[in-house]
């Protein structure tokens, strides 16, 4: 039920694609909340490739 509400909200406001809107809200917002933090996870070469930076 909550996932459906987030899906409708995000799709209606064209903030995120429908596929992302169907993800687990806790995981999605945890990921978005952590974008500004420098963590050791950022040193992972796979994540750096995902964000388009040189490895």
PDB file of N, CA and C in Angstrom:
ATOM      1  N   UNK A   1       0.815  -1.190   0.000  1.00  0.00           N
ATOM      2  CA  UNK A   1       0.000   0.000   0.000  1.00  0.00           C
ATOM      3  C   UNK A   1       0.867   1.265   0.000  1.00  0.00           C
ATOM      4  N   UNK A   2       1.830   1.343   0.909  1.00  0.00           N
ATOM      5  CA  UNK A   2       2.702   2.515   0.961  1.00  0.00           C
ATOM      6  C   UNK A   2       3.521   2.633  -0.319  1.00  0.00           C
ATOM      7  N   UNK A   3       3.977   1.507  -0.839  1.00  0.00           N
ATOM      8  CA  UNK A   3       4.746   1.513  -2.078  1.00  0.00           C
ATOM      9  C   UNK A   3       3.904   2.079  -3.221  1.00  0.00           C
ATOM     10  N   UNK A   4       2.618   1.745  -3.257  1.00  0.00           N
ATOM     11  CA  UNK A   4       1.728   2.261  -4.299  1.00  0.00           C
ATOM     12  C   UNK A   4       1.553   3.775  -4.179  1.00  0.00           C
ATOM     13  N   UNK A   5       1.487   4.261  -2.953  1.00  0.00           N
ATOM     14  CA  UNK A   5       1.355   5.705  -2.737  1.00  0.00           C
ATOM     15  C   UNK A   5       2.602   6.433  -3.231  1.00  0.00           C
ATOM     16  N   UNK A   6       3.787   5.915  -2.881  1.00  0.00           N
ATOM     17  CA  UNK A   6       5.027   6.523  -3.364  1.00  0.00           C
ATOM     18  C   UNK A   6       5.098   6.466  -4.884  1.00  0.00           C
ATOM     19  N   UNK A   7       4.677   5.360  -5.464  1.00  0.00           N
ATOM     20  CA  UNK A   7       4.703   5.223  -6.919  1.00  0.00           C
ATOM     21  C   UNK A   7       3.830   6.290  -7.564  1.00  0.00           C
ATOM     22  N   UNK A   8       2.613   6.470  -7.063  1.00  0.00           N
ATOM     23  CA  UNK A   8       1.715   7.489  -7.618  1.00  0.00           C
ATOM     24  C   UNK A   8       2.294   8.890  -7.436  1.00  0.00           C
ATOM     25  N   UNK A   9       2.826   9.173  -6.248  1.00  0.00           N
ATOM     26  CA  UNK A   9       3.380  10.495  -5.957  1.00  0.00           C
ATOM     27  C   UNK A   9       4.548  10.825  -6.882  1.00  0.00           C
ATOM     28  N   UNK A  10       5.511   9.914  -6.971  1.00  0.00           N
ATOM     29  CA  UNK A  10       6.704  10.174  -7.768  1.00  0.00           C
ATOM     30  C   UNK A  10       6.391  10.220  -9.256  1.00  0.00           C
ATOM     31  N   UNK A  11       5.502   9.359  -9.716  1.00  0.00           N
ATOM     32  CA  UNK A  11       5.142   9.352 -11.129  1.00  0.00           C
ATOM     33  C   UNK A  11       4.356  10.617 -11.483  1.00  0.00           C
ATOM     34  N   UNK A  12       3.444  11.024 -10.625  1.00  0.00           N
ATOM     35  CA  UNK A  12       2.626  12.212 -10.872  1.00  0.00           C
ATOM     36  C   UNK A  12       3.492  13.462 -11.006  1.00  0.00           C
ATOM     37  N   UNK A  13       4.491  13.591 -10.154  1.00  0.00           N
ATOM     38  CA  UNK A  13       5.353  14.771 -10.171  1.00  0.00           C
ATOM     39  C   UNK A  13       6.543  14.623 -11.111  1.00  0.00           C
ATOM     40  N   UNK A  14       6.608  13.533 -11.841  1.00  0.00           N
ATOM     41  CA  UNK A  14       7.688  13.279 -12.811  1.00  0.00           C
ATOM     42  C   UNK A  14       9.062  13.424 -12.171  1.00  0.00           C
ATOM     43  N   UNK A  15       9.168  13.041 -10.907  1.00  0.00           N
ATOM     44  CA  UNK A  15      10.442  13.119 -10.198  1.00  0.00           C
ATOM     45  C   UNK A  15      11.315  11.925 -10.550  1.00  0.00           C
ATOM     46  N   UNK A  16      10.721  10.747 -10.567  1.00  0.00           N
ATOM     47  CA  UNK A  16      11.464   9.530 -10.844  1.00  0.00           C
ATOM     48  C   UNK A  16      10.663   8.667 -11.808  1.00  0.00           C
ATOM     49  N   UNK A  17      11.337   7.847 -12.597  1.00  0.00           N
ATOM     50  CA  UNK A  17      10.618   6.937 -13.486  1.00  0.00           C
ATOM     51  C   UNK A  17       9.754   5.958 -12.698  1.00  0.00           C
ATOM     52  N   UNK A  18       8.781   5.422 -13.359  1.00  0.00           N
ATOM     53  CA  UNK A  18       7.848   4.491 -12.730  1.00  0.00           C
ATOM     54  C   UNK A  18       8.570   3.289 -12.127  1.00  0.00           C
ATOM     55  N   UNK A  19       9.615   2.792 -12.792  1.00  0.00           N
ATOM     56  CA  UNK A  19      10.341   1.626 -12.288  1.00  0.00           C
ATOM     57  C   UNK A  19      11.016   1.924 -10.955  1.00  0.00           C
ATOM     58  N   UNK A  20      11.585   3.114 -10.825  1.00  0.00           N
ATOM     59  CA  UNK A  20      12.241   3.488  -9.572  1.00  0.00           C
ATOM     60  C   UNK A  20      11.199   3.745  -8.497  1.00  0.00           C
ATOM     61  N   UNK A  21      10.060   4.297  -8.879  1.00  0.00           N
ATOM     62  CA  UNK A  21       9.000   4.577  -7.929  1.00  0.00           C
ATOM     63  C   UNK A  21       8.436   3.326  -7.285  1.00  0.00           C
ATOM     64  N   UNK A  22       8.614   2.171  -7.936  1.00  0.00           N
ATOM     65  CA  UNK A  22       8.100   0.917  -7.381  1.00  0.00           C
ATOM     66  C   UNK A  22       9.080   0.246  -6.424  1.00  0.00           C
ATOM     67  N   UNK A  23      10.264   0.811  -6.249  1.00  0.00           N
ATOM     68  CA  UNK A  23      11.253   0.209  -5.361  1.00  0.00           C
ATOM     69  C   UNK A  23      10.836   0.381  -3.908  1.00  0.00           C
ATOM     70  N   UNK A  24      11.490  -0.373  -3.053  1.00  0.00           N
ATOM     71  CA  UNK A  24      11.251  -0.261  -1.614  1.00  0.00           C
ATOM     72  C   UNK A  24      11.537   1.181  -1.191  1.00  0.00           C
ATOM     73  N   UNK A  25      10.566   1.904  -0.647  1.00  0.00           N
ATOM     74  CA  UNK A  25      10.770   3.319  -0.307  1.00  0.00           C
ATOM     75  C   UNK A  25      11.919   3.548   0.668  1.00  0.00           C
ATOM     76  N   UNK A  26      12.095   2.666   1.643  1.00  0.00           N
ATOM     77  CA  UNK A  26      13.173   2.846   2.616  1.00  0.00           C
ATOM     78  C   UNK A  26      14.526   2.802   1.924  1.00  0.00           C
ATOM     79  N   UNK A  27      14.716   1.842   1.047  1.00  0.00           N
ATOM     80  CA  UNK A  27      15.991   1.715   0.335  1.00  0.00           C
ATOM     81  C   UNK A  27      16.201   2.906  -0.592  1.00  0.00           C
ATOM     82  N   UNK A  28      15.156   3.310  -1.280  1.00  0.00           N
ATOM     83  CA  UNK A  28      15.257   4.431  -2.213  1.00  0.00           C
ATOM     84  C   UNK A  28      15.647   5.721  -1.499  1.00  0.00           C
ATOM     85  N   UNK A  29      14.957   6.067  -0.426  1.00  0.00           N
ATOM     86  CA  UNK A  29      15.262   7.308   0.278  1.00  0.00           C
ATOM     87  C   UNK A  29      16.576   7.227   1.050  1.00  0.00           C
ATOM     88  N   UNK A  30      16.954   6.045   1.498  1.00  0.00           N
ATOM     89  CA  UNK A  30      18.267   5.870   2.133  1.00  0.00           C
ATOM     90  C   UNK A  30      19.367   6.164   1.111  1.00  0.00           C
ATOM     91  N   UNK A  31      19.177   5.683  -0.121  1.00  0.00           N
ATOM     92  CA  UNK A  31      20.153   5.930  -1.179  1.00  0.00           C
ATOM     93  C   UNK A  31      20.212   7.420  -1.513  1.00  0.00           C
ATOM     94  N   UNK A  32      19.049   8.053  -1.686  1.00  0.00           N
ATOM     95  CA  UNK A  32      19.022   9.472  -2.026  1.00  0.00           C
ATOM     96  C   UNK A  32      19.566  10.336  -0.900  1.00  0.00           C
ATOM     97  N   UNK A  33      19.305   9.965   0.339  1.00  0.00           N
ATOM     98  CA  UNK A  33      19.780  10.717   1.489  1.00  0.00           C
ATOM     99  C   UNK A  33      21.296  10.643   1.614  1.00  0.00           C
ATOM    100  N   UNK A  34      21.883   9.542   1.197  1.00  0.00           N
ATOM    101  CA  UNK A  34      23.317   9.354   1.346  1.00  0.00           C
ATOM    102  C   UNK A  34      24.146   9.880   0.197  1.00  0.00           C
ATOM    103  N   UNK A  35      23.539  10.531  -0.787  1.00  0.00           N
ATOM    104  CA  UNK A  35      24.296  10.996  -1.941  1.00  0.00           C
ATOM    105  C   UNK A  35      25.299  12.083  -1.595  1.00  0.00           C
ATOM    106  N   UNK A  36      25.028  12.879  -0.578  1.00  0.00           N
ATOM    107  CA  UNK A  36      25.922  13.978  -0.224  1.00  0.00           C
ATOM    108  C   UNK A  36      27.003  13.577   0.768  1.00  0.00           C
ATOM    109  N   UNK A  37      26.966  12.345   1.229  1.00  0.00           N
ATOM    110  CA  UNK A  37      27.932  11.917   2.229  1.00  0.00           C
ATOM    111  C   UNK A  37      29.123  11.232   1.571  1.00  0.00           C
ATOM    112  N   UNK A  38      30.301  11.534   2.066  1.00  0.00           N
ATOM    113  CA  UNK A  38      31.498  10.830   1.613  1.00  0.00           C
ATOM    114  C   UNK A  38      31.691   9.621   2.508  1.00  0.00           C
ATOM    115  N   UNK A  39      31.568   8.453   1.919  1.00  0.00           N
ATOM    116  CA  UNK A  39      31.738   7.225   2.682  1.00  0.00           C
ATOM    117  C   UNK A  39      32.777   6.368   2.005  1.00  0.00           C
ATOM    118  N   UNK A  40      33.210   5.348   2.703  1.00  0.00           N
ATOM    119  CA  UNK A  40      34.182   4.443   2.106  1.00  0.00           C
ATOM    120  C   UNK A  40      33.563   3.637   0.971  1.00  0.00           C
ATOM    121  N   UNK A  41      32.230   3.544   0.939  1.00  0.00           N
ATOM    122  CA  UNK A  41      31.578   2.858  -0.166  1.00  0.00           C
ATOM    123  C   UNK A  41      31.857   3.551  -1.489  1.00  0.00           C
ATOM    124  N   UNK A  42      32.093   4.854  -1.446  1.00  0.00           N
ATOM    125  CA  UNK A  42      32.353   5.601  -2.669  1.00  0.00           C
ATOM    126  C   UNK A  42      33.670   5.172  -3.299  1.00  0.00           C
ATOM    127  N   UNK A  43      34.561   4.588  -2.526  1.00  0.00           N
ATOM    128  CA  UNK A  43      35.827   4.125  -3.066  1.00  0.00           C
ATOM    129  C   UNK A  43      35.678   2.842  -3.867  1.00  0.00           C
ATOM    130  N   UNK A  44      34.524   2.224  -3.808  1.00  0.00           N
ATOM    131  CA  UNK A  44      34.258   1.014  -4.568  1.00  0.00           C
ATOM    132  C   UNK A  44      34.292   1.360  -6.054  1.00  0.00           C
ATOM    133  N   UNK A  45      35.141   0.680  -6.837  1.00  0.00           N
ATOM    134  CA  UNK A  45      35.300   1.029  -8.247  1.00  0.00           C
ATOM    135  C   UNK A  45      34.022   0.821  -9.048  1.00  0.00           C
ATOM    136  N   UNK A  46      33.192  -0.117  -8.652  1.00  0.00           N
ATOM    137  CA  UNK A  46      31.938  -0.340  -9.372  1.00  0.00           C
ATOM    138  C   UNK A  46      30.984   0.836  -9.180  1.00  0.00           C
ATOM    139  N   UNK A  47      30.942   1.394  -7.969  1.00  0.00           N
ATOM    140  CA  UNK A  47      30.097   2.561  -7.744  1.00  0.00           C
ATOM    141  C   UNK A  47      30.630   3.769  -8.492  1.00  0.00           C
ATOM    142  N   UNK A  48      31.918   3.917  -8.543  1.00  0.00           N
ATOM    143  CA  UNK A  48      32.500   5.050  -9.257  1.00  0.00           C
ATOM    144  C   UNK A  48      32.213   4.946 -10.746  1.00  0.00           C
ATOM    145  N   UNK A  49      32.249   3.728 -11.294  1.00  0.00           N
ATOM    146  CA  UNK A  49      31.900   3.547 -12.703  1.00  0.00           C
ATOM    147  C   UNK A  49      30.428   3.870 -12.922  1.00  0.00           C
ATOM    148  N   UNK A  50      29.575   3.495 -11.962  1.00  0.00           N
ATOM    149  CA  UNK A  50      28.145   3.764 -12.067  1.00  0.00           C
ATOM    150  C   UNK A  50      27.877   5.264 -12.137  1.00  0.00           C
ATOM    151  N   UNK A  51      28.617   6.042 -11.363  1.00  0.00           N
ATOM    152  CA  UNK A  51      28.424   7.486 -11.354  1.00  0.00           C
ATOM    153  C   UNK A  51      29.243   8.184 -12.438  1.00  0.00           C
ATOM    154  N   UNK A  52      29.906   7.424 -13.297  1.00  0.00           N
ATOM    155  CA  UNK A  52      30.581   7.985 -14.455  1.00  0.00           C
ATOM    156  C   UNK A  52      31.912   8.633 -14.165  1.00  0.00           C
ATOM    157  N   UNK A  53      32.615   8.185 -13.144  1.00  0.00           N
ATOM    158  CA  UNK A  53      33.913   8.762 -12.831  1.00  0.00           C
ATOM    159  C   UNK A  53      35.019   7.782 -13.197  1.00  0.00           C
ATOM    160  N   UNK A  54      36.180   8.319 -13.433  1.00  0.00           N
ATOM    161  CA  UNK A  54      37.339   7.495 -13.772  1.00  0.00           C
ATOM    162  C   UNK A  54      37.691   6.575 -12.614  1.00  0.00           C
ATOM    163  N   UNK A  55      38.099   5.373 -12.951  1.00  0.00           N
ATOM    164  CA  UNK A  55      38.473   4.405 -11.915  1.00  0.00           C
ATOM    165  C   UNK A  55      39.966   4.416 -11.758  1.00  0.00           C
TER     166      UNK A  55
END
